[in-house]
N, C-alpha and C. Protein backbone atom coordinates (compact mmCIF):
# COMPACT_ATOMS: atom_id res chain seq x y z
N MET A 1 0.93 -0.98 -0.02
CA MET A 1 0.21 0.24 -0.34
C MET A 1 1.07 1.47 -0.34
N GLN A 2 1.95 1.23 0.77
CA GLN A 2 2.83 2.06 1.00
C GLN A 2 3.49 2.52 -0.06
N ASN A 3 4.08 1.49 -1.06
CA ASN A 3 4.10 1.39 -2.32
C ASN A 3 3.32 2.13 -3.32
N LYS A 4 2.29 1.87 -3.30
CA LYS A 4 1.55 2.35 -4.23
C LYS A 4 0.94 3.68 -4.30
N LEU A 5 0.77 4.22 -2.94
CA LEU A 5 1.45 5.27 -2.55
C LEU A 5 2.11 6.27 -2.83
N GLN A 6 3.65 6.04 -2.98
CA GLN A 6 4.63 6.59 -3.21
C GLN A 6 4.78 6.39 -4.81
N GLU A 7 4.17 5.56 -5.33
CA GLU A 7 4.09 5.29 -6.38
C GLU A 7 3.19 6.67 -7.29
N LEU A 8 1.76 6.82 -6.62
CA LEU A 8 1.25 7.77 -7.41
C LEU A 8 1.82 9.17 -6.87
N THR A 9 1.91 9.44 -5.68
CA THR A 9 3.09 10.73 -5.45
C THR A 9 3.77 11.00 -6.41
N ASP A 10 4.79 9.54 -6.63
CA ASP A 10 5.81 10.17 -7.58
C ASP A 10 5.38 10.33 -9.12
N LYS A 11 4.08 9.83 -9.67
CA LYS A 11 3.57 9.84 -10.38
C LYS A 11 2.70 11.50 -11.00
N LEU A 12 1.89 11.87 -9.69
CA LEU A 12 2.04 12.97 -9.65
C LEU A 12 2.76 14.11 -9.13
N TYR A 13 3.67 14.05 -9.28
CA TYR A 13 4.99 14.71 -9.14
C TYR A 13 5.53 15.23 -10.66
N ASN A 14 5.69 13.85 -10.94
CA ASN A 14 6.11 14.03 -12.60
C ASN A 14 5.52 14.72 -13.47
N GLU A 15 4.22 13.85 -13.07
CA GLU A 15 3.39 15.03 -14.47
C GLU A 15 3.28 16.55 -14.07
N GLY A 16 2.99 17.26 -13.04
CA GLY A 16 3.29 18.52 -12.24
C GLY A 16 4.52 18.84 -12.79
N LEU A 17 5.71 18.00 -12.48
CA LEU A 17 7.08 18.93 -12.89
C LEU A 17 7.10 18.99 -14.73
N SER A 18 7.08 18.16 -15.53
CA SER A 18 6.59 17.81 -16.46
C SER A 18 5.84 19.08 -17.32
N LYS A 19 4.52 19.27 -17.06
CA LYS A 19 4.00 20.17 -16.87
C LYS A 19 4.11 21.62 -16.69
N GLY A 20 4.92 21.45 -15.76
CA GLY A 20 5.32 23.00 -15.07
C GLY A 20 6.27 23.27 -16.60
N LYS A 21 7.52 22.19 -16.47
CA LYS A 21 8.69 22.53 -17.34
C LYS A 21 7.82 23.05 -18.85
N GLN A 22 6.68 22.22 -19.13
CA GLN A 22 6.31 22.63 -20.45
C GLN A 22 5.56 24.26 -20.72
N GLU A 23 4.92 24.48 -19.47
CA GLU A 23 4.60 25.65 -19.51
C GLU A 23 5.98 27.03 -19.13
N GLY A 24 6.71 26.43 -18.94
CA GLY A 24 8.08 27.53 -18.39
C GLY A 24 8.83 27.16 -19.73
N GLU A 25 8.59 26.59 -20.44
CA GLU A 25 9.39 26.80 -22.06
C GLU A 25 8.42 27.76 -22.75
N GLU A 26 7.04 26.84 -22.91
CA GLU A 26 6.03 28.07 -23.54
C GLU A 26 6.48 29.98 -22.99
N LEU A 27 6.38 30.20 -21.85
CA LEU A 27 6.53 31.45 -21.48
C LEU A 27 7.77 31.83 -21.98
N LEU A 28 8.89 30.89 -21.95
CA LEU A 28 9.91 31.34 -22.11
C LEU A 28 10.40 31.60 -24.06
N ALA A 29 9.66 30.74 -24.63
CA ALA A 29 9.57 30.91 -25.87
C ALA A 29 8.64 32.25 -26.51
N LYS A 30 7.90 32.48 -25.94
CA LYS A 30 6.88 33.73 -26.07
C LYS A 30 7.64 34.85 -25.43
N ALA A 31 8.13 34.76 -24.66
CA ALA A 31 9.28 36.07 -23.87
C ALA A 31 10.55 36.32 -24.80
N LYS A 32 10.61 35.20 -25.53
CA LYS A 32 11.96 35.36 -26.66
C LYS A 32 11.52 36.03 -27.88
N ALA A 33 10.41 35.46 -28.12
CA ALA A 33 9.57 36.15 -29.52
C ALA A 33 9.05 37.61 -29.27
N GLN A 34 8.71 37.67 -27.93
CA GLN A 34 8.71 39.39 -27.72
C GLN A 34 9.89 40.54 -27.79
N VAL A 35 10.67 39.54 -27.30
CA VAL A 35 12.30 40.13 -27.05
C VAL A 35 12.69 40.58 -28.68
N ASP A 36 12.67 39.46 -29.73
CA ASP A 36 13.06 39.62 -30.72
C ASP A 36 12.33 40.63 -31.38
N ASP A 37 10.82 40.60 -31.51
CA ASP A 37 10.16 41.52 -32.45
C ASP A 37 10.24 43.18 -32.01
N MET A 38 10.82 42.54 -30.08
CA MET A 38 10.86 44.35 -30.38
C MET A 38 11.93 44.94 -30.51
N LEU A 39 13.62 43.72 -30.48
CA LEU A 39 13.94 44.16 -30.80
C LEU A 39 14.30 44.44 -32.76
N ALA A 40 13.68 44.02 -33.25
CA ALA A 40 13.74 43.85 -35.13
C ALA A 40 12.65 45.39 -34.79
N LYS A 41 11.85 45.90 -34.00
CA LYS A 41 11.16 47.55 -34.21
C LYS A 41 12.39 48.22 -33.44
N ALA A 42 13.10 47.89 -32.62
CA ALA A 42 14.20 48.79 -32.17
C ALA A 42 14.53 49.12 -33.27
N GLN A 43 16.00 47.66 -33.97
CA GLN A 43 16.32 48.18 -35.01
C GLN A 43 15.55 49.27 -36.11
N ALA A 44 14.44 48.95 -36.37
CA ALA A 44 13.76 49.52 -37.52
C ALA A 44 14.38 50.70 -37.33
N GLU A 45 13.30 51.18 -36.08
CA GLU A 45 13.15 52.73 -36.05
C GLU A 45 14.40 53.35 -35.60
N ALA A 46 15.49 52.74 -35.35
CA ALA A 46 17.30 53.38 -35.39
C ALA A 46 17.42 53.80 -36.95
N ALA A 47 17.01 52.46 -37.75
CA ALA A 47 17.79 52.87 -39.01
C ALA A 47 16.96 53.98 -39.70
N GLN A 48 15.56 54.18 -39.82
CA GLN A 48 14.98 55.39 -40.07
C GLN A 48 15.62 56.37 -40.02
N ILE A 49 15.84 56.60 -38.01
CA ILE A 49 16.12 58.01 -37.29
C ILE A 49 18.11 58.10 -38.04
N ILE A 50 18.63 57.25 -37.93
CA ILE A 50 19.83 57.44 -38.44
C ILE A 50 19.82 58.12 -40.36
N ALA A 51 18.80 57.39 -40.88
CA ALA A 51 19.03 57.74 -42.29
C ALA A 51 17.72 59.22 -42.11
N ALA A 52 16.94 59.58 -41.47
CA ALA A 52 16.41 60.91 -41.38
C ALA A 52 17.73 61.63 -41.14
N ALA A 53 18.58 61.22 -39.95
CA ALA A 53 19.76 62.09 -39.62
C ALA A 53 20.51 62.73 -40.66
N GLN A 54 20.59 61.61 -41.58
CA GLN A 54 21.91 61.46 -42.73
C GLN A 54 21.21 62.21 -43.60
N LYS A 55 19.79 62.38 -43.81
CA LYS A 55 19.16 62.79 -45.11
C LYS A 55 19.63 64.27 -44.90
N GLN A 56 18.86 64.96 -43.74
CA GLN A 56 19.30 66.17 -42.78
C GLN A 56 20.81 66.88 -43.27
N ALA A 57 20.95 65.87 -42.78
CA ALA A 57 22.88 66.74 -42.63
C ALA A 57 23.40 67.07 -44.17
N GLU A 58 22.99 66.18 -44.85
CA GLU A 58 23.28 66.19 -46.70
C GLU A 58 22.42 67.52 -46.95
N GLU A 59 21.13 67.84 -46.86
CA GLU A 59 20.83 69.00 -47.23
C GLU A 59 21.19 70.47 -46.31
N ILE A 60 21.78 69.75 -45.09
CA ILE A 60 22.19 71.55 -44.38
C ILE A 60 23.89 71.73 -44.94
N ARG A 61 24.55 70.34 -45.50
CA ARG A 61 25.61 70.54 -46.29
C ARG A 61 25.76 70.87 -47.69
N THR A 62 24.34 70.64 -48.24
CA THR A 62 24.30 71.27 -49.57
C THR A 62 24.06 72.59 -49.49
N LYS A 63 22.82 73.10 -48.65
CA LYS A 63 22.18 73.95 -48.47
C LYS A 63 23.33 75.34 -47.78
N THR A 64 24.13 74.78 -46.79
CA THR A 64 25.25 75.74 -46.62
C THR A 64 25.99 75.66 -47.80
N ALA A 65 26.75 75.19 -48.64
CA ALA A 65 27.41 74.64 -49.53
C ALA A 65 27.06 76.29 -50.42
N SER A 66 25.70 76.05 -50.74
CA SER A 66 25.15 76.88 -51.75
C SER A 66 25.01 78.04 -51.50
N ASP A 67 24.40 78.13 -50.22
CA ASP A 67 24.97 79.46 -49.75
C ASP A 67 26.50 80.01 -49.79
N ILE A 68 27.30 79.35 -49.07
CA ILE A 68 28.58 80.01 -49.30
C ILE A 68 28.82 80.68 -50.82
N LYS A 69 28.61 79.42 -51.47
CA LYS A 69 29.02 80.03 -52.93
C LYS A 69 28.00 81.16 -53.49
N MET A 70 27.19 81.63 -53.10
CA MET A 70 25.80 82.67 -53.52
C MET A 70 26.63 83.66 -52.85
N ALA A 71 26.68 83.70 -51.44
CA ALA A 71 27.63 84.84 -50.48
C ALA A 71 28.73 85.23 -51.13
N SER A 72 29.90 84.34 -51.57
CA SER A 72 31.33 84.87 -52.31
C SER A 72 31.07 85.01 -53.09
N SER A 73 30.05 84.62 -54.33
CA SER A 73 29.66 85.56 -55.97
C SER A 73 29.31 86.62 -55.44
N GLN A 74 28.13 87.17 -54.65
CA GLN A 74 27.67 88.41 -54.21
C GLN A 74 29.01 89.03 -54.13
N SER A 75 30.06 88.58 -52.78
CA SER A 75 30.75 89.36 -52.35
C SER A 75 31.64 89.93 -53.56
N ILE A 76 32.54 88.95 -54.35
CA ILE A 76 33.48 88.94 -55.47
C ILE A 76 32.44 90.32 -56.51
N ALA A 77 31.74 90.39 -56.76
CA ALA A 77 30.69 91.06 -57.69
C ALA A 77 30.70 92.29 -57.00
N ALA A 78 30.41 92.44 -55.89
CA ALA A 78 30.23 93.95 -55.29
C ALA A 78 31.58 94.36 -54.22
N THR A 79 32.88 93.60 -54.66
CA THR A 79 34.10 94.14 -54.59
C THR A 79 34.53 94.86 -55.90
N LYS A 80 34.47 93.84 -56.86
CA LYS A 80 34.74 94.71 -58.07
C LYS A 80 33.55 95.18 -58.66
N LYS A 81 32.66 96.06 -58.11
CA LYS A 81 31.63 97.20 -58.96
C LYS A 81 32.52 97.69 -57.68
N ASP A 82 32.92 98.24 -56.46
CA ASP A 82 33.25 98.64 -55.76
C ASP A 82 34.88 99.41 -56.16
N ILE A 83 35.72 98.62 -57.01
CA ILE A 83 36.86 98.71 -57.40
C ILE A 83 36.78 99.73 -58.65
N GLU A 84 35.45 99.21 -59.45
CA GLU A 84 35.45 100.00 -60.96
C GLU A 84 35.01 101.22 -60.14
N THR A 85 33.74 101.85 -59.58
CA THR A 85 33.00 102.29 -59.03
C THR A 85 34.70 103.54 -58.75
N LEU A 86 35.47 103.33 -58.16
CA LEU A 86 36.50 103.59 -57.28
C LEU A 86 37.43 104.50 -58.40
N ILE A 87 37.67 103.51 -59.56
CA ILE A 87 38.66 103.89 -60.15
C ILE A 87 37.96 104.92 -60.78
N VAL A 88 36.73 104.42 -61.42
CA VAL A 88 35.80 105.47 -62.37
C VAL A 88 35.82 106.62 -62.07
N GLY A 89 35.53 106.78 -60.87
CA GLY A 89 35.56 108.42 -59.87
C GLY A 89 36.66 108.61 -59.94
N LYS A 90 37.59 107.92 -59.71
CA LYS A 90 38.83 108.92 -59.81
C LYS A 90 39.27 109.77 -61.42
N MET A 91 38.86 108.46 -62.31
CA MET A 91 39.18 109.12 -63.39
C MET A 91 38.19 110.06 -64.07
N THR A 92 36.96 110.48 -63.08
CA THR A 92 36.29 111.64 -64.15
C THR A 92 35.76 112.43 -63.11
N GLY A 93 35.83 112.15 -61.42
CA GLY A 93 35.35 113.09 -60.60
C GLY A 93 35.83 114.61 -60.74
N GLU A 94 37.29 114.40 -60.13
CA GLU A 94 37.79 115.75 -60.70
C GLU A 94 38.06 116.60 -61.53
N ALA A 95 38.28 115.95 -62.62
CA ALA A 95 38.37 116.34 -64.04
C ALA A 95 36.96 117.15 -64.34
N VAL A 96 35.74 116.61 -64.50
CA VAL A 96 34.76 116.66 -64.36
C VAL A 96 34.25 118.53 -63.43
N LYS A 97 34.37 117.80 -62.64
CA LYS A 97 34.27 119.11 -61.61
C LYS A 97 34.89 120.37 -61.56
N LYS A 98 36.58 120.51 -62.40
CA LYS A 98 37.43 121.55 -62.08
C LYS A 98 36.88 121.71 -63.88
N THR A 99 36.44 121.22 -64.87
CA THR A 99 36.15 121.70 -65.91
C THR A 99 34.54 122.38 -66.03
N LEU A 100 33.61 121.75 -65.35
CA LEU A 100 32.38 122.20 -64.95
C LEU A 100 32.32 123.86 -64.16
N SER A 101 33.40 124.00 -63.27
CA SER A 101 33.36 124.70 -62.52
C SER A 101 34.43 126.12 -62.99
N SER A 102 34.66 125.92 -64.50
CA SER A 102 34.64 126.63 -65.27
C SER A 102 34.04 127.75 -66.15
N PRO A 103 34.16 129.10 -65.14
CA PRO A 103 32.66 130.22 -65.67
C PRO A 103 32.69 130.01 -67.48
N ASP A 104 34.26 130.18 -67.83
CA ASP A 104 34.27 130.37 -69.50
C ASP A 104 34.03 129.06 -70.34
N PHE A 105 34.33 127.80 -69.39
CA PHE A 105 33.68 126.48 -69.99
C PHE A 105 32.21 126.99 -70.56
N ILE A 106 31.61 126.92 -69.21
CA ILE A 106 30.66 126.54 -68.77
C ILE A 106 29.73 127.65 -70.00
N LYS A 107 30.27 128.94 -70.04
CA LYS A 107 29.38 130.31 -71.07
C LYS A 107 29.59 129.67 -72.74
N ASP A 108 30.40 128.94 -72.64
CA ASP A 108 30.70 128.23 -74.19
C ASP A 108 29.85 127.18 -74.04
N LEU A 109 29.53 126.48 -73.03
CA LEU A 109 28.80 125.60 -73.10
C LEU A 109 27.03 125.79 -73.32
N ILE A 110 26.75 126.69 -72.73
CA ILE A 110 25.57 127.10 -72.17
C ILE A 110 24.92 127.90 -73.99
N LYS A 111 26.17 128.89 -74.35
CA LYS A 111 25.58 129.58 -75.33
C LYS A 111 25.53 128.69 -76.66
N THR A 112 26.64 127.38 -76.83
CA THR A 112 25.95 125.87 -77.57
C THR A 112 24.59 125.36 -77.92
N VAL A 113 24.43 125.18 -76.28
CA VAL A 113 23.01 124.51 -76.19
C VAL A 113 22.01 125.36 -76.34
N ALA A 114 22.21 126.75 -75.99
CA ALA A 114 21.20 127.50 -76.31
C ALA A 114 20.78 127.93 -77.75
N GLU A 115 21.42 127.92 -78.46
CA GLU A 115 21.68 128.32 -79.70
C GLU A 115 20.54 126.87 -80.28
N LYS A 116 20.85 126.00 -80.08
CA LYS A 116 19.90 124.42 -80.31
C LYS A 116 18.62 124.88 -80.09
N PHE A 117 17.93 125.64 -79.04
CA PHE A 117 16.55 125.56 -78.82
C PHE A 117 16.26 126.57 -79.53
N THR A 118 17.12 127.25 -80.00
CA THR A 118 16.39 128.75 -80.96
C THR A 118 16.26 128.40 -82.35
N THR A 119 16.77 127.05 -82.97
CA THR A 119 17.50 126.98 -84.28
C THR A 119 16.06 127.30 -85.33
N ASP A 120 14.68 127.15 -85.14
CA ASP A 120 13.54 127.55 -85.50
C ASP A 120 12.62 128.75 -85.06
N GLY A 121 14.04 129.94 -84.49
CA GLY A 121 13.23 130.95 -83.92
C GLY A 121 13.55 131.28 -82.25
N PRO A 122 13.68 132.60 -81.95
CA PRO A 122 13.48 132.83 -80.59
C PRO A 122 12.40 132.18 -79.66
N VAL A 123 13.20 131.47 -78.42
CA VAL A 123 12.74 130.83 -77.43
C VAL A 123 13.20 131.63 -75.91
N ASP A 124 12.26 131.98 -75.24
CA ASP A 124 12.42 132.03 -74.00
C ASP A 124 12.81 130.90 -73.30
N LEU A 125 13.97 131.11 -72.59
CA LEU A 125 14.63 130.24 -71.84
C LEU A 125 15.02 130.40 -69.93
N ASN A 126 14.78 129.29 -69.52
CA ASN A 126 15.07 129.16 -67.94
C ASN A 126 16.68 128.81 -68.11
N LEU A 127 16.95 128.98 -66.93
CA LEU A 127 18.60 128.32 -66.99
C LEU A 127 19.01 128.53 -65.46
N ILE A 128 18.99 127.45 -65.23
CA ILE A 128 19.87 127.21 -63.36
C ILE A 128 20.99 126.77 -63.39
N LEU A 129 21.73 127.78 -62.50
CA LEU A 129 23.54 128.05 -62.73
C LEU A 129 23.58 127.63 -61.13
N PRO A 130 25.16 127.21 -61.33
CA PRO A 130 25.33 126.86 -59.64
C PRO A 130 25.98 128.26 -58.98
N GLU A 131 24.98 128.62 -57.69
CA GLU A 131 25.17 129.33 -56.63
C GLU A 131 27.45 130.04 -56.53
N SER A 132 27.78 128.65 -56.53
CA SER A 132 29.38 129.20 -56.06
C SER A 132 29.42 130.14 -57.53
N LEU A 133 29.07 130.22 -58.50
CA LEU A 133 29.38 130.68 -59.44
C LEU A 133 28.39 131.96 -60.09
N LYS A 134 27.52 132.42 -59.15
CA LYS A 134 26.70 133.97 -59.18
C LYS A 134 27.41 134.47 -59.71
N ASN A 135 28.69 135.18 -59.37
CA ASN A 135 29.20 136.55 -59.54
C ASN A 135 29.97 136.14 -60.70
N ASP A 136 30.49 135.04 -61.03
CA ASP A 136 31.09 135.17 -62.21
C ASP A 136 30.22 134.92 -63.89
N LEU A 137 28.34 134.13 -63.60
CA LEU A 137 27.89 134.14 -65.10
C LEU A 137 26.58 134.89 -64.71
N GLU A 138 26.17 135.38 -64.06
CA GLU A 138 24.89 136.41 -63.71
C GLU A 138 24.77 137.78 -64.91
N PRO A 139 26.04 138.24 -65.23
CA PRO A 139 26.16 139.15 -65.86
C PRO A 139 25.60 138.61 -67.41
N PHE A 140 26.00 137.59 -67.35
CA PHE A 140 26.22 136.50 -69.08
C PHE A 140 24.81 136.24 -68.84
N ALA A 141 24.49 135.59 -68.05
CA ALA A 141 23.15 134.87 -68.36
C ALA A 141 22.14 135.90 -68.60
N THR A 142 22.11 137.08 -67.72
CA THR A 142 20.88 138.18 -67.25
C THR A 142 21.20 138.77 -68.52
N LYS A 143 21.95 139.13 -69.49
CA LYS A 143 22.18 140.37 -70.15
C LYS A 143 22.81 139.75 -71.53
N GLU A 144 24.08 139.47 -71.54
CA GLU A 144 24.61 139.09 -72.95
C GLU A 144 23.91 137.63 -73.23
N LEU A 145 23.59 136.35 -73.00
CA LEU A 145 23.03 135.29 -73.50
C LEU A 145 21.70 135.63 -74.50
N GLY A 146 21.02 136.53 -73.57
CA GLY A 146 19.71 136.74 -74.49
C GLY A 146 19.96 138.01 -75.96
N LYS A 147 20.76 138.59 -75.46
CA LYS A 147 20.83 139.36 -76.90
C LYS A 147 21.50 138.17 -77.72
N ILE A 148 22.35 137.65 -77.44
CA ILE A 148 22.61 136.70 -78.44
C ILE A 148 22.03 135.85 -78.88
N LEU A 149 21.01 135.33 -78.51
CA LEU A 149 20.16 134.33 -79.07
C LEU A 149 18.63 135.51 -79.03
N GLY A 150 18.79 136.53 -79.00
CA GLY A 150 18.01 137.34 -79.81
C GLY A 150 16.26 136.89 -78.63
N ALA A 151 16.36 136.36 -77.67
CA ALA A 151 15.22 135.89 -76.83
C ALA A 151 15.57 136.44 -75.47
N GLY A 152 14.43 135.98 -74.31
CA GLY A 152 14.41 136.29 -73.29
C GLY A 152 15.25 135.23 -72.34
N VAL A 153 15.42 135.13 -71.41
CA VAL A 153 16.40 134.36 -70.50
C VAL A 153 16.20 134.69 -68.71
N GLN A 154 15.86 133.51 -68.57
CA GLN A 154 15.64 133.84 -66.74
C GLN A 154 16.16 133.02 -66.20
N ALA A 155 17.13 133.74 -65.54
CA ALA A 155 18.30 132.93 -64.92
C ALA A 155 17.91 132.86 -63.34
N SER A 156 18.42 131.78 -62.70
CA SER A 156 18.29 131.73 -61.23
C SER A 156 19.45 130.58 -60.89
N PHE A 157 20.18 131.01 -59.74
CA PHE A 157 21.33 130.01 -58.97
C PHE A 157 20.62 129.01 -57.85
N SER A 158 21.23 128.40 -58.10
CA SER A 158 21.45 126.81 -56.54
C SER A 158 22.83 126.37 -56.14
N LYS A 159 22.21 126.43 -55.04
CA LYS A 159 22.94 125.73 -54.33
C LYS A 159 23.22 124.26 -54.49
N LYS A 160 21.91 123.65 -55.18
CA LYS A 160 21.88 122.00 -55.42
C LYS A 160 22.90 121.69 -56.32
N ILE A 161 23.40 122.93 -57.04
CA ILE A 161 24.31 122.22 -58.55
C ILE A 161 25.58 122.89 -58.03
N ALA A 162 26.37 121.56 -58.10
CA ALA A 162 27.98 122.22 -57.64
C ALA A 162 28.51 122.55 -58.88
N GLY A 163 28.14 121.73 -60.27
CA GLY A 163 29.02 122.61 -61.28
C GLY A 163 27.77 122.36 -62.36
N GLY A 164 28.22 123.37 -63.48
CA GLY A 164 27.56 122.87 -64.92
C GLY A 164 26.26 123.68 -64.82
N PHE A 165 25.31 123.31 -65.45
CA PHE A 165 23.92 124.18 -65.36
C PHE A 165 22.75 123.29 -66.01
N GLN A 166 21.53 123.77 -65.88
CA GLN A 166 20.38 122.82 -66.38
C GLN A 166 19.85 124.28 -67.38
N ILE A 167 19.25 123.96 -68.61
CA ILE A 167 18.50 124.82 -69.43
C ILE A 167 17.26 123.99 -69.94
N GLY A 168 16.17 125.13 -70.09
CA GLY A 168 14.98 124.45 -70.55
C GLY A 168 14.37 125.32 -71.25
N PRO A 169 13.00 125.31 -72.62
CA PRO A 169 12.32 126.62 -72.77
C PRO A 169 11.46 126.72 -71.28
N LYS A 170 11.26 128.18 -71.12
CA LYS A 170 10.66 128.51 -70.21
C LYS A 170 8.80 128.46 -69.97
N ASP A 171 8.86 128.15 -69.25
CA ASP A 171 7.37 127.78 -68.17
C ASP A 171 6.37 125.99 -69.01
N GLU A 172 7.71 125.45 -69.36
CA GLU A 172 7.14 124.26 -70.26
C GLU A 172 7.58 123.37 -68.97
N GLY A 173 8.21 123.59 -68.44
CA GLY A 173 8.54 122.50 -66.85
C GLY A 173 9.79 121.42 -67.24
N TRP A 174 9.79 121.83 -68.27
CA TRP A 174 11.17 120.77 -68.45
C TRP A 174 12.27 121.10 -68.77
N PHE A 175 13.91 120.09 -68.48
CA PHE A 175 14.94 120.89 -68.35
C PHE A 175 16.04 119.67 -69.35
N VAL A 176 17.18 120.47 -69.80
CA VAL A 176 18.20 119.28 -69.90
C VAL A 176 19.27 119.65 -69.18
N SER A 177 19.83 118.68 -68.39
CA SER A 177 20.79 118.91 -67.38
C SER A 177 22.42 118.45 -68.10
N PHE A 178 22.96 119.10 -67.37
CA PHE A 178 24.19 119.40 -67.95
C PHE A 178 25.51 119.48 -66.83
N THR A 179 24.55 118.75 -65.73
CA THR A 179 25.28 119.36 -64.65
C THR A 179 26.58 117.99 -64.31
N GLU A 180 27.30 118.70 -63.38
CA GLU A 180 28.54 117.74 -62.41
C GLU A 180 28.22 116.50 -62.91
N GLU A 181 27.07 116.24 -61.90
CA GLU A 181 26.11 114.92 -61.51
C GLU A 181 26.47 113.92 -63.12
N THR A 182 25.04 114.84 -63.72
CA THR A 182 25.17 114.43 -64.88
C THR A 182 26.12 113.86 -66.03
N PHE A 183 27.39 114.46 -65.84
CA PHE A 183 28.72 114.26 -67.00
C PHE A 183 29.16 112.94 -66.37
N ASN A 184 29.14 113.34 -65.19
CA ASN A 184 29.86 112.10 -64.25
C ASN A 184 28.97 110.65 -64.63
N GLN A 185 27.92 110.66 -64.41
CA GLN A 185 26.96 109.45 -64.82
C GLN A 185 27.26 109.38 -65.60
N LEU A 186 27.18 110.17 -67.14
CA LEU A 186 27.36 109.84 -68.36
C LEU A 186 28.74 109.06 -68.72
N ILE A 187 29.83 109.73 -68.84
CA ILE A 187 31.00 109.31 -68.81
C ILE A 187 31.33 108.22 -67.95
N SER A 188 31.05 107.98 -66.77
CA SER A 188 31.02 106.80 -66.01
C SER A 188 30.24 105.60 -66.91
N GLU A 189 29.28 106.08 -67.07
CA GLU A 189 28.65 104.56 -68.41
C GLU A 189 29.53 104.30 -69.64
N TYR A 190 30.64 104.96 -69.76
CA TYR A 190 31.53 105.01 -70.93
C TYR A 190 32.19 104.08 -70.36
N LEU A 191 32.87 104.52 -69.69
CA LEU A 191 34.12 104.29 -68.96
C LEU A 191 34.15 102.82 -68.05
N ARG A 192 33.06 102.57 -67.67
CA ARG A 192 32.88 101.10 -66.86
C ARG A 192 32.87 100.10 -68.25
N PRO A 193 32.53 99.74 -68.62
CA PRO A 193 32.71 98.51 -69.67
C PRO A 193 34.54 98.51 -69.95
N ALA A 194 34.99 99.72 -70.45
CA ALA A 194 36.13 99.47 -70.49
C ALA A 194 37.17 99.34 -69.00
N THR A 195 37.06 99.88 -68.41
CA THR A 195 37.51 99.92 -66.99
C THR A 195 37.18 98.10 -66.67
N LYS A 196 36.25 97.71 -66.63
CA LYS A 196 36.06 96.34 -66.12
C LYS A 196 36.95 95.71 -67.08
N LYS A 197 36.95 95.68 -68.20
CA LYS A 197 37.66 94.39 -68.80
C LYS A 197 39.12 94.77 -68.86
N LEU A 198 39.67 95.96 -68.51
CA LEU A 198 41.07 95.99 -68.39
C LEU A 198 41.32 95.95 -66.83
N LEU A 199 40.23 95.73 -65.93
CA LEU A 199 40.53 95.17 -64.50
C LEU A 199 40.75 93.70 -64.65
N PHE A 200 39.44 93.31 -64.89
CA PHE A 200 38.99 92.07 -64.85
C PHE A 200 39.11 90.80 -65.58
N GLY A 201 39.33 91.42 -66.81
CA GLY A 201 39.72 90.56 -68.39
C GLY A 201 37.76 90.35 -68.96
């Protein structure tokens, strides 16, 4: 009887042990599968993050390279223009200023231009001259010029004009400008291409 009881106890023990072992293996297999799944997902996410970071880094590198290239091109162009302007300014500025501050030169130029206005007959003119040359030019502008042209001349003097003059038909509201600024611009336009070619090829 005791043997049967021992056998029964052993049998129950072995069955329980076998069942527990099987359940433990199943739980272990499930846990391993879950870990493998989580690991695969984590690796996929890590790969996506790395790919996105690499893409972003490449975009930043490309944009930075493009910005640097554009900035350097603009800087070179601006420097060339500054050099060009400086040289053209030196070549024209003082010479034009000196010439257009000469009362005799201005008188001759005014006569030549004014005669073009009166080719079809006398035309009254408005004349704006530099305030700095008023003493030298006022007698010519108010008396002599009118006699030469056989027309009226209304002369005024302005501090805004450094050298040269502006001339136009009286009461028509427009002028032809022969000022220092106008001459500098005109001469600069012609000198610029030659200067650019000489400096930068």
